[in-house]
Amino acid sequence: MTNRIWHERAASLNIDGRAFINGQRSWAVSENTFDNISPIDGRNLGAVARCDTVDVDLAVASARAAFEDGRWASLAPAERKRVLIKFADLMLKHSDELALLETLDMGKPIKYSQSVDVNSASNCLRWYGEAIDKIYDEIAPTASDSLALITREPVGVVAAIVPWNYPMLMASWKIAPALAAGNSVVLKPSEKSPLTALRLAEIAIEAGIPVGVFNVVPGFGHEAGAALALHLDVDCIGFTGSTKIGKQILQMAGQSNLKRAWTELGGKSANIVCADCPDLDEAVEAAIGSIYFNQGESCNAPSRLFVEASIKDKFLEKALAMMPDFQPGDPLDETTVMGAIVDATQLKSVMGYIAAGNAEGAKLLHGGQQVKLESGGYYVSPTIFDQVDSSMKIAREEIFGPVLAVIAFTDIQDAIRQANDTPFGLQAAIWTADLSTAIKTARALRAGTVHVNQYDGDDITVPFGGYKQSGNGRDKSLHAFDKYTELKTTWIRIR
């Protein structure tokens, strides 16, 4: 589809910012709204319902009623499977619309909204749908006069709070296993990117998910988000976002009904490239492609690049040669690979980190500027800092933007020590031709995922989550069912 056609579609798109509660679209009871500003050009996409405690109470009551009467939880596994697979199929049917909403909402290139976000979210729903009737419960070893059953049951009403960087995909990581397990769900998307979540709720009804099982309440974190975390009738909450807010979610869960709370939080991922890297070109492409993908707005972005000193100059020469390919462009142009920063607040934060890098003595090799000012949107050129020290702010804090910090090393043990010297532990990588070095380093790195001679090449079949302050619990894979189910023991005496 051409750039012109995407812009024409964007201009004619009917944006519906109403909440989705008990199978119906509705404005907030208070009638409060907020403007949904597109980072592409600063246009106002329309009003969105500003849900608060009253609306959350309605959504949770709807979800609870649906759970208690078993309209979803009591369906045969094969029937829930058929519905979720149809949900996945319908996402693909509406892929152009969903991709356009995603790009307009948070600024990512339309090519990736289509090929990554829509496709991956649909695949997630399909995968968990397929898993429903392939998971078996257990029988414990007992004496002959007893039978002990260990069964999984849905936890009940699940609240899901998701971020703005991958709105559809992060929503699918939460709602797919939760729904597959038989729960009812109340989803709160980020106020910066609510549109695809709201559209997904309508598609879910079309797929056959019963009324009340899946509700969406847009709004601000301190209002709708806090109401969910504090709600006494929410059994479980899954949150993806910043470590700061994740800590608050855990506190609110504890001070309310001690609901189980699962968090996927910040990251400052280390990418370690040794001199014996088996393919330097591939390592450069992975390092650059991964840090600038999604404008650097990824929790697992490899924002700390540790390069062995003897190859650093050659590595950076190749990296700098790639910079023209990552210049920000029109997100509705299918040739664009780096789009807009999500909003003015995040733009200011990214530029603040770039200023800090300069002030602390790092060497700016490329970028560091706001660009495309004439567009009215929020764009930052791909930025590389060399001669970074691990004590610098840009090496310690999550930037969530297209900023790469390069740190030289001469000893792998020192690189590992620096890589682990962070409050985060989400993801890491090691590039080396020495299998023993790869295995030892992977074991030593305190991260939920460690890549060897690649970066971010995994899929839905493996768990995703972090050590330390990168969160608890795991999204993706069969392990995600652990978050949304209760284990029940039934001990039967045989007479």
Foldseek 3Di string as FASTA:
>chain_A
DALVVLVVCLVPDDFDQFWAALRDGDAEPVNDWDWAAFQLFRDTSDTHHAHFLVVLVRLLVLQQVCQVVLPQQVDDLLVLLQLLLLLLVVLLVCLLVLLSLLCRLFWAASLCSRPPQSNQLSVLSNVLSVCLVVDDWDWDDDPPQKTKTKDKAFQEEEEEEEESLRQSNSVSLPVRLQSSRRYAYEYEYELSRQGSLRVSSNSSVVSPDHGSRYIYDYHHCVGSVLSQLQPQSHQEYEYEEALVVLVVSCVNCVVHNVRHYWYQHAAAAEEEEEPQFVDLLQSLCQLQLQCCASQNQDRHRNQEYEYAPVCVVVSVVSNVVCQVQQFEDRSSGSSHRHTFGSQPVLLVLLLVLLVQCVVVPWAKPDWSDWDPVVSNRTGGRQTETEPDDCVGPSNADRSSGRYHYYDYDNDVVVSQVSSQPYQWAFEYEYGHPDPVVRVVSVVSRQHPYYYYSHPPPDGQQDWGHTPGSSIDFTGGHPSNNVRGIDIDMDMGGHD
